[in-house]
Amino acid sequence: MLHPVKLLIFTGAVALAQSAPPPIIDIHLRALNAASQGPPPLSVCAPPTAYSSVESAAAWPPAFLSLLRNTSCDHPIRSPLTDDDLMEQTLAILKRRNIIAVTSGPRTEQWHKAANDRIIPGLMFNLQPDDPSLSAMRSMFQSGRFKVFGEVGIQYRGIHPADFRFEPYLALAEELDIPLAIHIGAGPSGEPITAGAGALRARVQSLLVLEAPLLRHPRLRVVALHAGWPTLDDTVAMLWAHPQLHVDVGLISFAIPRAAFHSYLRTIVDAGFGKRVLFGSDQMVWPRALEVAIDSIESAPFLTPSQKRDILYNNAARFLRLSQDHNPRHNGN
């Protein structure tokens, strides 16, 4: 029979384990300003069931803005009005759902300060003039200020990952063994004609654009955000050809119809690559998108319980090389 004190400790530990949900790692969270996607509040259907059409490309930008302001669906999610509300609502979900999140964006350090046990700081990088220099990045990574190189969004500037301007940063990430999280896949519908300069093109949404960098940097740990959607065959081909390559579910976990997302994910898993799919919410200014993204995995009828746990936690823990004592709440399956 257990000693009364030991019994109390044991039962308390069991109760704690039963009350805390299974841990989740979100590889792809953004710490943004509430107005970063436009003046709040903005709404999205998550997931949508259909997309709007316009008679000409010129009509799309105002139509897209109108959709964000007047979402007509039964399940819209709305953005908070202030930076603090956005942070507090997101961190509350991280705590309630037992999530650790790789987080990048202009408010990353504020979020990390507010919840350092929930936030793994990532360095957002777009090859912009105000991005840190190569020597400054080296110092940031070596000091531990940032743990992940990403998210990298150079595709939105029309820059190929094999571009000579990006090469020194790839070499640094490989040298320092810093994981790279890079956007390869679709942005918002109509992105090339909506986002000002319109640099993104559909032809660069394939994971094939990563082949040359992966061959030059075989020790580089890479996760392709958005999994190259919708170029499924190229995604499978690259996962087959490059065993170090991983993908996350990102935007497509909540921003495309659920049937389309499940079809895409199922093909990747059925092809044998379930151990290289990471959960990422791509939460921007809609905290509830986090839970919609989680549900997109938990509701997948074709995934076994162990496959769901791999995607939601185990694969990212291995990819990030998190030790079991990284967080006391994150030490099991």
C-alpha atoms as a PDB file:
ATOM      1  CA  MET A   1       0.000   0.000   0.000  1.00  0.00           C
ATOM      2  CA  LEU A   2       1.241   3.481  -0.885  1.00  0.00           C
ATOM      3  CA  HIS A   3       2.193   5.841   1.938  1.00  0.00           C
ATOM      4  CA  PRO A   4      -0.530   8.539   2.294  1.00  0.00           C
ATOM      5  CA  VAL A   5       1.830  11.323   1.146  1.00  0.00           C
ATOM      6  CA  LYS A   6       3.012   9.301  -1.847  1.00  0.00           C
ATOM      7  CA  LEU A   7      -0.583   8.415  -2.661  1.00  0.00           C
ATOM      8  CA  LEU A   8      -1.498  12.104  -2.604  1.00  0.00           C
ATOM      9  CA  ILE A   9       1.390  12.947  -4.943  1.00  0.00           C
ATOM     10  CA  PHE A  10       0.493  10.048  -7.242  1.00  0.00           C
ATOM     11  CA  THR A  11      -3.194  10.935  -7.469  1.00  0.00           C
ATOM     12  CA  GLY A  12      -2.348  14.591  -8.006  1.00  0.00           C
ATOM     13  CA  ALA A  13      -0.027  13.692 -10.874  1.00  0.00           C
ATOM     14  CA  VAL A  14      -2.703  11.477 -12.431  1.00  0.00           C
ATOM     15  CA  ALA A  15      -5.293  14.245 -12.119  1.00  0.00           C
ATOM     16  CA  LEU A  16      -2.925  16.732 -13.734  1.00  0.00           C
ATOM     17  CA  ALA A  17      -2.202  14.340 -16.603  1.00  0.00           C
ATOM     18  CA  GLN A  18      -5.905  13.742 -17.109  1.00  0.00           C
ATOM     19  CA  SER A  19      -6.767  17.457 -17.054  1.00  0.00           C
ATOM     20  CA  ALA A  20      -4.088  18.581 -19.519  1.00  0.00           C
ATOM     21  CA  PRO A  21      -4.851  17.830 -23.165  1.00  0.00           C
ATOM     22  CA  PRO A  22      -2.200  16.039 -25.235  1.00  0.00           C
ATOM     23  CA  PRO A  23       0.577  18.438 -26.224  1.00  0.00           C
ATOM     24  CA  ILE A  24       0.682  20.099 -29.635  1.00  0.00           C
ATOM     25  CA  ILE A  25       3.508  21.858 -31.449  1.00  0.00           C
ATOM     26  CA  ASP A  26       2.500  24.582 -33.901  1.00  0.00           C
ATOM     27  CA  ILE A  27       5.425  25.115 -36.254  1.00  0.00           C
ATOM     28  CA  HIS A  28       3.880  28.175 -37.920  1.00  0.00           C
ATOM     29  CA  LEU A  29       2.341  30.927 -35.767  1.00  0.00           C
ATOM     30  CA  ARG A  30       2.628  34.643 -36.422  1.00  0.00           C
ATOM     31  CA  ALA A  31       2.916  37.425 -33.848  1.00  0.00           C
ATOM     32  CA  LEU A  32       1.492  40.296 -35.863  1.00  0.00           C
ATOM     33  CA  ASN A  33      -0.156  43.627 -35.294  1.00  0.00           C
ATOM     34  CA  ALA A  34      -3.939  43.461 -35.315  1.00  0.00           C
ATOM     35  CA  ALA A  35      -4.039  45.738 -38.383  1.00  0.00           C
ATOM     36  CA  SER A  36      -1.400  43.814 -40.348  1.00  0.00           C
ATOM     37  CA  GLN A  37      -3.941  42.301 -42.758  1.00  0.00           C
ATOM     38  CA  GLY A  38      -6.050  45.476 -42.957  1.00  0.00           C
ATOM     39  CA  PRO A  39      -8.045  47.596 -40.513  1.00  0.00           C
ATOM     40  CA  PRO A  40      -9.780  45.254 -38.036  1.00  0.00           C
ATOM     41  CA  PRO A  41     -12.117  43.602 -37.551  1.00  0.00           C
ATOM     42  CA  LEU A  42     -11.705  41.252 -40.521  1.00  0.00           C
ATOM     43  CA  SER A  43     -13.584  38.000 -41.015  1.00  0.00           C
ATOM     44  CA  VAL A  44     -12.881  34.758 -42.816  1.00  0.00           C
ATOM     45  CA  CYS A  45     -14.846  31.572 -43.348  1.00  0.00           C
ATOM     46  CA  ALA A  46     -12.765  28.807 -41.831  1.00  0.00           C
ATOM     47  CA  PRO A  47     -12.922  26.523 -43.606  1.00  0.00           C
ATOM     48  CA  PRO A  48     -14.677  27.940 -46.678  1.00  0.00           C
ATOM     49  CA  THR A  49     -16.996  25.912 -48.876  1.00  0.00           C
ATOM     50  CA  ALA A  50     -16.617  27.893 -52.126  1.00  0.00           C
ATOM     51  CA  TYR A  51     -14.765  30.854 -53.604  1.00  0.00           C
ATOM     52  CA  SER A  52     -16.178  33.996 -55.175  1.00  0.00           C
ATOM     53  CA  SER A  53     -15.718  34.888 -58.832  1.00  0.00           C
ATOM     54  CA  VAL A  54     -15.278  38.255 -60.538  1.00  0.00           C
ATOM     55  CA  GLU A  55     -15.616  39.319 -64.155  1.00  0.00           C
ATOM     56  CA  SER A  56     -12.110  40.770 -64.380  1.00  0.00           C
ATOM     57  CA  ALA A  57      -8.881  40.714 -62.422  1.00  0.00           C
ATOM     58  CA  ALA A  58      -9.237  44.443 -61.778  1.00  0.00           C
ATOM     59  CA  ALA A  59     -12.408  43.748 -59.808  1.00  0.00           C
ATOM     60  CA  TRP A  60     -10.787  41.261 -57.426  1.00  0.00           C
ATOM     61  CA  PRO A  61      -8.932  43.516 -54.926  1.00  0.00           C
ATOM     62  CA  PRO A  62     -12.045  45.452 -53.803  1.00  0.00           C
ATOM     63  CA  ALA A  63     -14.094  42.240 -53.889  1.00  0.00           C
ATOM     64  CA  PHE A  64     -11.549  40.498 -51.658  1.00  0.00           C
ATOM     65  CA  LEU A  65     -11.585  43.368 -49.155  1.00  0.00           C
ATOM     66  CA  SER A  66     -15.376  43.302 -49.160  1.00  0.00           C
ATOM     67  CA  LEU A  67     -15.300  39.574 -48.350  1.00  0.00           C
ATOM     68  CA  LEU A  68     -13.076  40.225 -45.343  1.00  0.00           C
ATOM     69  CA  ARG A  69     -15.462  42.885 -44.072  1.00  0.00           C
ATOM     70  CA  ASN A  70     -18.761  41.187 -44.897  1.00  0.00           C
ATOM     71  CA  THR A  71     -18.177  37.455 -44.650  1.00  0.00           C
ATOM     72  CA  SER A  72     -21.326  35.564 -45.582  1.00  0.00           C
ATOM     73  CA  CYS A  73     -21.086  32.102 -44.065  1.00  0.00           C
ATOM     74  CA  ASP A  74     -22.436  30.277 -41.052  1.00  0.00           C
ATOM     75  CA  HIS A  75     -19.070  30.026 -39.298  1.00  0.00           C
ATOM     76  CA  PRO A  76     -17.006  33.224 -39.723  1.00  0.00           C
ATOM     77  CA  ILE A  77     -14.074  33.909 -37.437  1.00  0.00           C
ATOM     78  CA  ARG A  78     -13.300  37.553 -36.692  1.00  0.00           C
ATOM     79  CA  SER A  79     -10.057  39.285 -35.826  1.00  0.00           C
ATOM     80  CA  PRO A  80      -9.537  41.167 -32.543  1.00  0.00           C
ATOM     81  CA  LEU A  81      -9.400  44.954 -32.604  1.00  0.00           C
ATOM     82  CA  THR A  82      -6.093  45.569 -30.820  1.00  0.00           C
ATOM     83  CA  ASP A  83      -2.578  44.160 -30.669  1.00  0.00           C
ATOM     84  CA  ASP A  84      -3.006  43.215 -27.023  1.00  0.00           C
ATOM     85  CA  ASP A  85      -6.326  41.456 -27.653  1.00  0.00           C
ATOM     86  CA  LEU A  86      -4.762  39.474 -30.488  1.00  0.00           C
ATOM     87  CA  MET A  87      -1.896  38.367 -28.267  1.00  0.00           C
ATOM     88  CA  GLU A  88      -4.025  37.581 -25.229  1.00  0.00           C
ATOM     89  CA  GLN A  89      -6.617  35.578 -27.171  1.00  0.00           C
ATOM     90  CA  THR A  90      -3.930  33.590 -28.970  1.00  0.00           C
ATOM     91  CA  LEU A  91      -1.920  32.868 -25.821  1.00  0.00           C
ATOM     92  CA  ALA A  92      -5.095  31.774 -24.037  1.00  0.00           C
ATOM     93  CA  ILE A  93      -5.662  29.145 -26.739  1.00  0.00           C
ATOM     94  CA  LEU A  94      -2.032  28.002 -26.517  1.00  0.00           C
ATOM     95  CA  LYS A  95      -2.447  27.470 -22.796  1.00  0.00           C
ATOM     96  CA  ARG A  96      -5.865  25.818 -22.973  1.00  0.00           C
ATOM     97  CA  ARG A  97      -4.868  23.442 -25.782  1.00  0.00           C
ATOM     98  CA  ASN A  98      -1.346  22.800 -24.412  1.00  0.00           C
ATOM     99  CA  ILE A  99       0.441  24.200 -27.455  1.00  0.00           C
ATOM    100  CA  ILE A 100       4.034  25.271 -27.936  1.00  0.00           C
ATOM    101  CA  ALA A 101       4.339  27.474 -31.028  1.00  0.00           C
ATOM    102  CA  VAL A 102       7.235  28.448 -33.254  1.00  0.00           C
ATOM    103  CA  THR A 103       6.337  32.113 -33.633  1.00  0.00           C
ATOM    104  CA  SER A 104       7.629  34.835 -35.933  1.00  0.00           C
ATOM    105  CA  GLY A 105       6.693  38.388 -36.777  1.00  0.00           C
ATOM    106  CA  PRO A 106       7.174  41.921 -35.468  1.00  0.00           C
ATOM    107  CA  ARG A 107       5.702  41.179 -32.021  1.00  0.00           C
ATOM    108  CA  THR A 108       7.477  37.866 -31.425  1.00  0.00           C
ATOM    109  CA  GLU A 109       9.616  39.124 -28.574  1.00  0.00           C
ATOM    110  CA  GLN A 110       6.621  40.677 -26.777  1.00  0.00           C
ATOM    111  CA  TRP A 111       4.717  37.398 -27.074  1.00  0.00           C
ATOM    112  CA  HIS A 112       7.750  35.423 -25.905  1.00  0.00           C
ATOM    113  CA  LYS A 113       8.113  37.696 -22.890  1.00  0.00           C
ATOM    114  CA  ALA A 114       4.424  37.177 -22.060  1.00  0.00           C
ATOM    115  CA  ALA A 115       4.585  33.370 -22.421  1.00  0.00           C
ATOM    116  CA  ASN A 116       8.151  32.130 -22.709  1.00  0.00           C
ATOM    117  CA  ASP A 117       7.086  28.546 -21.996  1.00  0.00           C
ATOM    118  CA  ARG A 118       4.731  28.595 -24.990  1.00  0.00           C
ATOM    119  CA  ILE A 119       6.674  30.552 -27.622  1.00  0.00           C
ATOM    120  CA  ILE A 120       9.736  29.386 -29.568  1.00  0.00           C
ATOM    121  CA  PRO A 121      11.043  32.527 -31.305  1.00  0.00           C
ATOM    122  CA  GLY A 122      11.491  32.324 -35.053  1.00  0.00           C
ATOM    123  CA  LEU A 123      13.100  35.000 -37.227  1.00  0.00           C
ATOM    124  CA  MET A 124      10.728  36.283 -39.925  1.00  0.00           C
ATOM    125  CA  PHE A 125      12.755  37.046 -43.035  1.00  0.00           C
ATOM    126  CA  ASN A 126      11.832  38.312 -46.512  1.00  0.00           C
ATOM    127  CA  LEU A 127      15.109  39.666 -47.966  1.00  0.00           C
ATOM    128  CA  GLN A 128      13.897  43.188 -47.313  1.00  0.00           C
ATOM    129  CA  PRO A 129      16.284  46.117 -46.774  1.00  0.00           C
ATOM    130  CA  ASP A 130      15.366  46.260 -43.078  1.00  0.00           C
ATOM    131  CA  ASP A 131      16.017  42.544 -42.459  1.00  0.00           C
ATOM    132  CA  PRO A 132      19.056  41.804 -40.285  1.00  0.00           C
ATOM    133  CA  SER A 133      22.426  41.429 -41.931  1.00  0.00           C
ATOM    134  CA  LEU A 134      24.148  38.078 -42.175  1.00  0.00           C
ATOM    135  CA  SER A 135      26.481  38.906 -39.276  1.00  0.00           C
ATOM    136  CA  ALA A 136      23.582  40.138 -37.140  1.00  0.00           C
ATOM    137  CA  MET A 137      21.667  36.930 -37.873  1.00  0.00           C
ATOM    138  CA  ARG A 138      24.652  34.855 -36.837  1.00  0.00           C
ATOM    139  CA  SER A 139      24.705  36.638 -33.492  1.00  0.00           C
ATOM    140  CA  MET A 140      20.926  36.278 -33.035  1.00  0.00           C
ATOM    141  CA  PHE A 141      21.035  32.530 -33.585  1.00  0.00           C
ATOM    142  CA  GLN A 142      24.205  31.883 -31.610  1.00  0.00           C
ATOM    143  CA  SER A 143      22.864  33.807 -28.622  1.00  0.00           C
ATOM    144  CA  GLY A 144      19.616  31.835 -28.699  1.00  0.00           C
ATOM    145  CA  ARG A 145      17.518  34.940 -29.285  1.00  0.00           C
ATOM    146  CA  PHE A 146      15.937  33.093 -32.213  1.00  0.00           C
ATOM    147  CA  LYS A 147      15.677  29.325 -32.570  1.00  0.00           C
ATOM    148  CA  VAL A 148      14.231  28.933 -36.076  1.00  0.00           C
ATOM    149  CA  PHE A 149      15.055  30.667 -39.365  1.00  0.00           C
ATOM    150  CA  GLY A 150      11.570  31.508 -40.478  1.00  0.00           C
ATOM    151  CA  GLU A 151       9.122  31.994 -41.412  1.00  0.00           C
ATOM    152  CA  VAL A 152      10.829  32.943 -44.670  1.00  0.00           C
ATOM    153  CA  GLY A 153       8.419  34.519 -47.150  1.00  0.00           C
ATOM    154  CA  ILE A 154      10.644  35.431 -50.076  1.00  0.00           C
ATOM    155  CA  GLN A 155       8.198  33.804 -52.521  1.00  0.00           C
ATOM    156  CA  TYR A 156       5.858  36.748 -51.904  1.00  0.00           C
ATOM    157  CA  ARG A 157       8.570  39.020 -53.283  1.00  0.00           C
ATOM    158  CA  GLY A 158       9.024  36.821 -56.334  1.00  0.00           C
ATOM    159  CA  ILE A 159      12.394  35.543 -55.102  1.00  0.00           C
ATOM    160  CA  HIS A 160      13.310  31.925 -55.787  1.00  0.00           C
ATOM    161  CA  PRO A 161      14.953  29.925 -52.920  1.00  0.00           C
ATOM    162  CA  ALA A 162      17.876  29.209 -55.270  1.00  0.00           C
ATOM    163  CA  ASP A 163      18.429  32.938 -55.869  1.00  0.00           C
ATOM    164  CA  PHE A 164      22.062  33.942 -55.253  1.00  0.00           C
ATOM    165  CA  ARG A 165      20.889  36.632 -52.800  1.00  0.00           C
ATOM    166  CA  PHE A 166      19.427  33.978 -50.498  1.00  0.00           C
ATOM    167  CA  GLU A 167      22.337  31.541 -50.714  1.00  0.00           C
ATOM    168  CA  PRO A 168      24.468  33.014 -47.862  1.00  0.00           C
ATOM    169  CA  TYR A 169      21.530  32.696 -45.463  1.00  0.00           C
ATOM    170  CA  LEU A 170      20.993  29.050 -46.382  1.00  0.00           C
ATOM    171  CA  ALA A 171      24.693  28.402 -45.795  1.00  0.00           C
ATOM    172  CA  LEU A 172      24.479  30.069 -42.370  1.00  0.00           C
ATOM    173  CA  ALA A 173      21.443  28.021 -41.337  1.00  0.00           C
ATOM    174  CA  GLU A 174      23.214  24.819 -42.364  1.00  0.00           C
ATOM    175  CA  GLU A 175      26.441  25.801 -40.599  1.00  0.00           C
ATOM    176  CA  LEU A 176      24.657  26.640 -37.328  1.00  0.00           C
ATOM    177  CA  ASP A 177      22.143  23.781 -37.644  1.00  0.00           C
ATOM    178  CA  ILE A 178      19.178  26.177 -37.470  1.00  0.00           C
ATOM    179  CA  PRO A 179      15.944  24.746 -38.892  1.00  0.00           C
ATOM    180  CA  LEU A 180      14.528  26.613 -41.871  1.00  0.00           C
ATOM    181  CA  ALA A 181      10.774  27.218 -42.243  1.00  0.00           C
ATOM    182  CA  ILE A 182      10.049  28.592 -45.712  1.00  0.00           C
ATOM    183  CA  HIS A 183       6.820  29.361 -47.538  1.00  0.00           C
ATOM    184  CA  ILE A 184       6.399  27.203 -50.632  1.00  0.00           C
ATOM    185  CA  GLY A 185       2.755  27.150 -51.654  1.00  0.00           C
ATOM    186  CA  ALA A 186      -0.295  29.279 -52.168  1.00  0.00           C
ATOM    187  CA  GLY A 187      -0.973  32.564 -50.438  1.00  0.00           C
ATOM    188  CA  PRO A 188      -4.440  34.094 -50.254  1.00  0.00           C
ATOM    189  CA  SER A 189      -6.633  33.583 -53.295  1.00  0.00           C
ATOM    190  CA  GLY A 190      -5.775  36.253 -55.854  1.00  0.00           C
ATOM    191  CA  GLU A 191      -2.456  37.093 -54.198  1.00  0.00           C
ATOM    192  CA  PRO A 192      -0.618  38.112 -57.417  1.00  0.00           C
ATOM    193  CA  ILE A 193      -3.245  40.785 -58.190  1.00  0.00           C
ATOM    194  CA  THR A 194      -4.108  41.773 -54.625  1.00  0.00           C
ATOM    195  CA  ALA A 195      -0.849  42.471 -52.799  1.00  0.00           C
ATOM    196  CA  GLY A 196       0.434  45.659 -54.356  1.00  0.00           C
ATOM    197  CA  ALA A 197       3.486  44.666 -56.395  1.00  0.00           C
ATOM    198  CA  GLY A 198       1.965  41.272 -57.103  1.00  0.00           C
ATOM    199  CA  ALA A 199       5.302  39.459 -57.127  1.00  0.00           C
ATOM    200  CA  LEU A 200       3.998  35.967 -56.292  1.00  0.00           C
ATOM    201  CA  ARG A 201       3.336  33.662 -59.234  1.00  0.00           C
ATOM    202  CA  ALA A 202       1.551  30.316 -59.274  1.00  0.00           C
ATOM    203  CA  ARG A 203       4.485  28.669 -61.049  1.00  0.00           C
ATOM    204  CA  VAL A 204       6.770  29.085 -58.001  1.00  0.00           C
ATOM    205  CA  GLN A 205       4.375  27.339 -55.588  1.00  0.00           C
ATOM    206  CA  SER A 206       5.930  23.939 -56.293  1.00  0.00           C
ATOM    207  CA  LEU A 207       8.401  22.301 -53.902  1.00  0.00           C
ATOM    208  CA  LEU A 208      10.606  21.664 -56.931  1.00  0.00           C
ATOM    209  CA  VAL A 209      12.021  25.170 -56.361  1.00  0.00           C
ATOM    210  CA  LEU A 210      13.765  23.751 -53.269  1.00  0.00           C
ATOM    211  CA  GLU A 211      15.684  21.037 -55.079  1.00  0.00           C
ATOM    212  CA  ALA A 212      18.827  23.019 -55.916  1.00  0.00           C
ATOM    213  CA  PRO A 213      19.172  24.474 -52.381  1.00  0.00           C
ATOM    214  CA  LEU A 214      18.667  21.024 -50.822  1.00  0.00           C
ATOM    215  CA  LEU A 215      21.348  19.519 -53.028  1.00  0.00           C
ATOM    216  CA  ARG A 216      23.774  22.311 -52.124  1.00  0.00           C
ATOM    217  CA  HIS A 217      22.988  22.041 -48.414  1.00  0.00           C
ATOM    218  CA  PRO A 218      22.384  18.379 -47.540  1.00  0.00           C
ATOM    219  CA  ARG A 219      22.586  18.967 -43.764  1.00  0.00           C
ATOM    220  CA  LEU A 220      19.917  21.679 -43.798  1.00  0.00           C
ATOM    221  CA  ARG A 221      16.729  20.935 -41.837  1.00  0.00           C
ATOM    222  CA  VAL A 222      13.818  22.290 -43.881  1.00  0.00           C
ATOM    223  CA  VAL A 223      10.070  22.472 -43.471  1.00  0.00           C
ATOM    224  CA  ALA A 224       8.132  23.765 -46.471  1.00  0.00           C
ATOM    225  CA  LEU A 225       5.174  25.767 -45.186  1.00  0.00           C
ATOM    226  CA  HIS A 226       1.835  25.097 -46.903  1.00  0.00           C
ATOM    227  CA  ALA A 227       3.241  21.841 -48.338  1.00  0.00           C
ATOM    228  CA  GLY A 228       3.481  23.210 -51.860  1.00  0.00           C
ATOM    229  CA  TRP A 229      -0.314  23.287 -52.207  1.00  0.00           C
ATOM    230  CA  PRO A 230      -1.814  22.708 -54.733  1.00  0.00           C
ATOM    231  CA  THR A 231       1.078  21.068 -56.616  1.00  0.00           C
ATOM    232  CA  LEU A 232       0.574  17.679 -54.982  1.00  0.00           C
ATOM    233  CA  ASP A 233       2.589  15.514 -57.366  1.00  0.00           C
ATOM    234  CA  ASP A 234       5.619  17.783 -56.961  1.00  0.00           C
ATOM    235  CA  THR A 235       5.272  17.613 -53.166  1.00  0.00           C
ATOM    236  CA  VAL A 236       5.271  13.824 -53.172  1.00  0.00           C
ATOM    237  CA  ALA A 237       8.184  13.753 -55.620  1.00  0.00           C
ATOM    238  CA  MET A 238      10.271  16.040 -53.423  1.00  0.00           C
ATOM    239  CA  LEU A 239       9.473  14.140 -50.225  1.00  0.00           C
ATOM    240  CA  TRP A 240      10.576  10.956 -51.973  1.00  0.00           C
ATOM    241  CA  ALA A 241      13.769  12.504 -53.370  1.00  0.00           C
ATOM    242  CA  HIS A 242      14.866  14.437 -50.276  1.00  0.00           C
ATOM    243  CA  PRO A 243      14.427  12.533 -46.981  1.00  0.00           C
ATOM    244  CA  GLN A 244      15.385  15.572 -44.864  1.00  0.00           C
ATOM    245  CA  LEU A 245      12.480  17.630 -46.253  1.00  0.00           C
ATOM    246  CA  HIS A 246       9.359  18.156 -44.137  1.00  0.00           C
ATOM    247  CA  VAL A 247       6.103  19.976 -44.848  1.00  0.00           C
ATOM    248  CA  ASP A 248       3.546  21.715 -42.688  1.00  0.00           C
ATOM    249  CA  VAL A 249      -0.209  22.021 -43.209  1.00  0.00           C
ATOM    250  CA  GLY A 250      -0.243  25.792 -42.662  1.00  0.00           C
ATOM    251  CA  LEU A 251      -2.819  27.939 -44.394  1.00  0.00           C
ATOM    252  CA  ILE A 252      -4.529  25.036 -46.129  1.00  0.00           C
ATOM    253  CA  SER A 253      -5.633  23.593 -42.777  1.00  0.00           C
ATOM    254  CA  PHE A 254      -8.280  26.303 -42.459  1.00  0.00           C
ATOM    255  CA  ALA A 255      -8.393  28.401 -45.659  1.00  0.00           C
ATOM    256  CA  ILE A 256      -9.435  25.821 -48.267  1.00  0.00           C
ATOM    257  CA  PRO A 257     -12.492  23.544 -48.204  1.00  0.00           C
ATOM    258  CA  ARG A 258     -12.049  20.757 -45.673  1.00  0.00           C
ATOM    259  CA  ALA A 259     -12.582  18.010 -48.282  1.00  0.00           C
ATOM    260  CA  ALA A 260      -9.819  19.486 -50.455  1.00  0.00           C
ATOM    261  CA  PHE A 261      -7.427  19.687 -47.505  1.00  0.00           C
ATOM    262  CA  HIS A 262      -8.144  16.124 -46.409  1.00  0.00           C
ATOM    263  CA  SER A 263      -7.651  14.859 -49.961  1.00  0.00           C
ATOM    264  CA  TYR A 264      -4.267  16.586 -50.204  1.00  0.00           C
ATOM    265  CA  LEU A 265      -3.109  15.389 -46.795  1.00  0.00           C
ATOM    266  CA  ARG A 266      -4.339  11.853 -47.349  1.00  0.00           C
ATOM    267  CA  THR A 267      -2.297  11.472 -50.520  1.00  0.00           C
ATOM    268  CA  ILE A 268       0.868  12.571 -48.689  1.00  0.00           C
ATOM    269  CA  VAL A 269       0.192  10.182 -45.806  1.00  0.00           C
ATOM    270  CA  ASP A 270      -0.866   7.292 -48.056  1.00  0.00           C
ATOM    271  CA  ALA A 271       2.388   7.770 -49.973  1.00  0.00           C
ATOM    272  CA  GLY A 272       4.214   6.947 -46.738  1.00  0.00           C
ATOM    273  CA  PHE A 273       5.267  10.425 -45.588  1.00  0.00           C
ATOM    274  CA  GLY A 274       3.129  10.799 -42.458  1.00  0.00           C
ATOM    275  CA  LYS A 275       6.280  11.106 -40.323  1.00  0.00           C
ATOM    276  CA  ARG A 276       7.306  14.243 -42.222  1.00  0.00           C
ATOM    277  CA  VAL A 277       4.102  16.254 -41.920  1.00  0.00           C
ATOM    278  CA  LEU A 278       4.133  18.908 -39.183  1.00  0.00           C
ATOM    279  CA  PHE A 279       1.203  20.789 -37.742  1.00  0.00           C
ATOM    280  CA  GLY A 280       1.248  24.504 -38.442  1.00  0.00           C
ATOM    281  CA  SER A 281      -1.717  26.814 -38.053  1.00  0.00           C
ATOM    282  CA  ASP A 282      -0.446  29.857 -39.995  1.00  0.00           C
ATOM    283  CA  GLN A 283      -2.532  31.878 -37.528  1.00  0.00           C
ATOM    284  CA  MET A 284      -2.267  35.531 -38.494  1.00  0.00           C
ATOM    285  CA  VAL A 285      -4.955  37.746 -36.925  1.00  0.00           C
ATOM    286  CA  TRP A 286      -7.680  35.166 -36.296  1.00  0.00           C
ATOM    287  CA  PRO A 287      -6.939  33.274 -33.057  1.00  0.00           C
ATOM    288  CA  ARG A 288      -9.799  30.823 -33.620  1.00  0.00           C
ATOM    289  CA  ALA A 289      -8.042  29.678 -36.799  1.00  0.00           C
ATOM    290  CA  LEU A 290      -5.711  27.789 -34.453  1.00  0.00           C
ATOM    291  CA  GLU A 291      -8.522  25.562 -33.266  1.00  0.00           C
ATOM    292  CA  VAL A 292      -9.988  25.147 -36.739  1.00  0.00           C
ATOM    293  CA  ALA A 293      -6.550  23.993 -37.909  1.00  0.00           C
ATOM    294  CA  ILE A 294      -6.274  21.498 -35.043  1.00  0.00           C
ATOM    295  CA  ASP A 295      -9.732  20.161 -35.850  1.00  0.00           C
ATOM    296  CA  SER A 296      -8.692  19.646 -39.466  1.00  0.00           C
ATOM    297  CA  ILE A 297      -6.233  17.015 -38.207  1.00  0.00           C
ATOM    298  CA  GLU A 298      -8.288  15.563 -35.374  1.00  0.00           C
ATOM    299  CA  SER A 299     -11.344  15.115 -37.640  1.00  0.00           C
ATOM    300  CA  ALA A 300      -9.458  13.397 -40.483  1.00  0.00           C
ATOM    301  CA  PRO A 301     -11.135   9.965 -40.726  1.00  0.00           C
ATOM    302  CA  PHE A 302      -8.222   8.427 -42.636  1.00  0.00           C
ATOM    303  CA  LEU A 303      -5.632   9.154 -39.930  1.00  0.00           C
ATOM    304  CA  THR A 304      -5.003   6.676 -37.120  1.00  0.00           C
ATOM    305  CA  PRO A 305      -4.640   8.031 -33.573  1.00  0.00           C
ATOM    306  CA  SER A 306      -0.876   7.553 -33.770  1.00  0.00           C
ATOM    307  CA  GLN A 307      -0.692   9.387 -37.100  1.00  0.00           C
ATOM    308  CA  LYS A 308      -2.621  12.309 -35.615  1.00  0.00           C
ATOM    309  CA  ARG A 309      -0.226  12.477 -32.683  1.00  0.00           C
ATOM    310  CA  ASP A 310       2.727  12.370 -35.077  1.00  0.00           C
ATOM    311  CA  ILE A 311       1.387  15.334 -37.052  1.00  0.00           C
ATOM    312  CA  LEU A 312       0.259  17.333 -34.037  1.00  0.00           C
ATOM    313  CA  TYR A 313       3.355  16.757 -31.905  1.00  0.00           C
ATOM    314  CA  ASN A 314       5.874  13.958 -32.430  1.00  0.00           C
ATOM    315  CA  ASN A 315       7.151  14.919 -35.883  1.00  0.00           C
ATOM    316  CA  ALA A 316       7.826  18.532 -34.905  1.00  0.00           C
ATOM    317  CA  ALA A 317       9.444  17.519 -31.605  1.00  0.00           C
ATOM    318  CA  ARG A 318      11.875  15.356 -33.567  1.00  0.00           C
ATOM    319  CA  PHE A 319      12.429  17.975 -36.289  1.00  0.00           C
ATOM    320  CA  LEU A 320      13.105  20.736 -33.748  1.00  0.00           C
ATOM    321  CA  ARG A 321      15.115  18.345 -31.529  1.00  0.00           C
ATOM    322  CA  LEU A 322      13.169  19.258 -28.435  1.00  0.00           C
ATOM    323  CA  SER A 323      14.242  17.371 -25.366  1.00  0.00           C
ATOM    324  CA  GLN A 324      11.590  15.914 -23.095  1.00  0.00           C
ATOM    325  CA  ASP A 325      12.471  18.418 -20.397  1.00  0.00           C
ATOM    326  CA  HIS A 326      11.953  21.395 -22.741  1.00  0.00           C
ATOM    327  CA  ASN A 327       8.606  21.894 -21.040  1.00  0.00           C
ATOM    328  CA  PRO A 328       7.217  19.729 -18.225  1.00  0.00           C
ATOM    329  CA  ARG A 329       3.840  19.618 -19.948  1.00  0.00           C
ATOM    330  CA  HIS A 330       5.415  18.401 -23.171  1.00  0.00           C
ATOM    331  CA  ASN A 331       7.038  15.149 -22.180  1.00  0.00           C
ATOM    332  CA  GLY A 332       4.791  12.465 -23.585  1.00  0.00           C
ATOM    333  CA  ASN A 333       2.544  11.447 -26.418  1.00  0.00           C
END
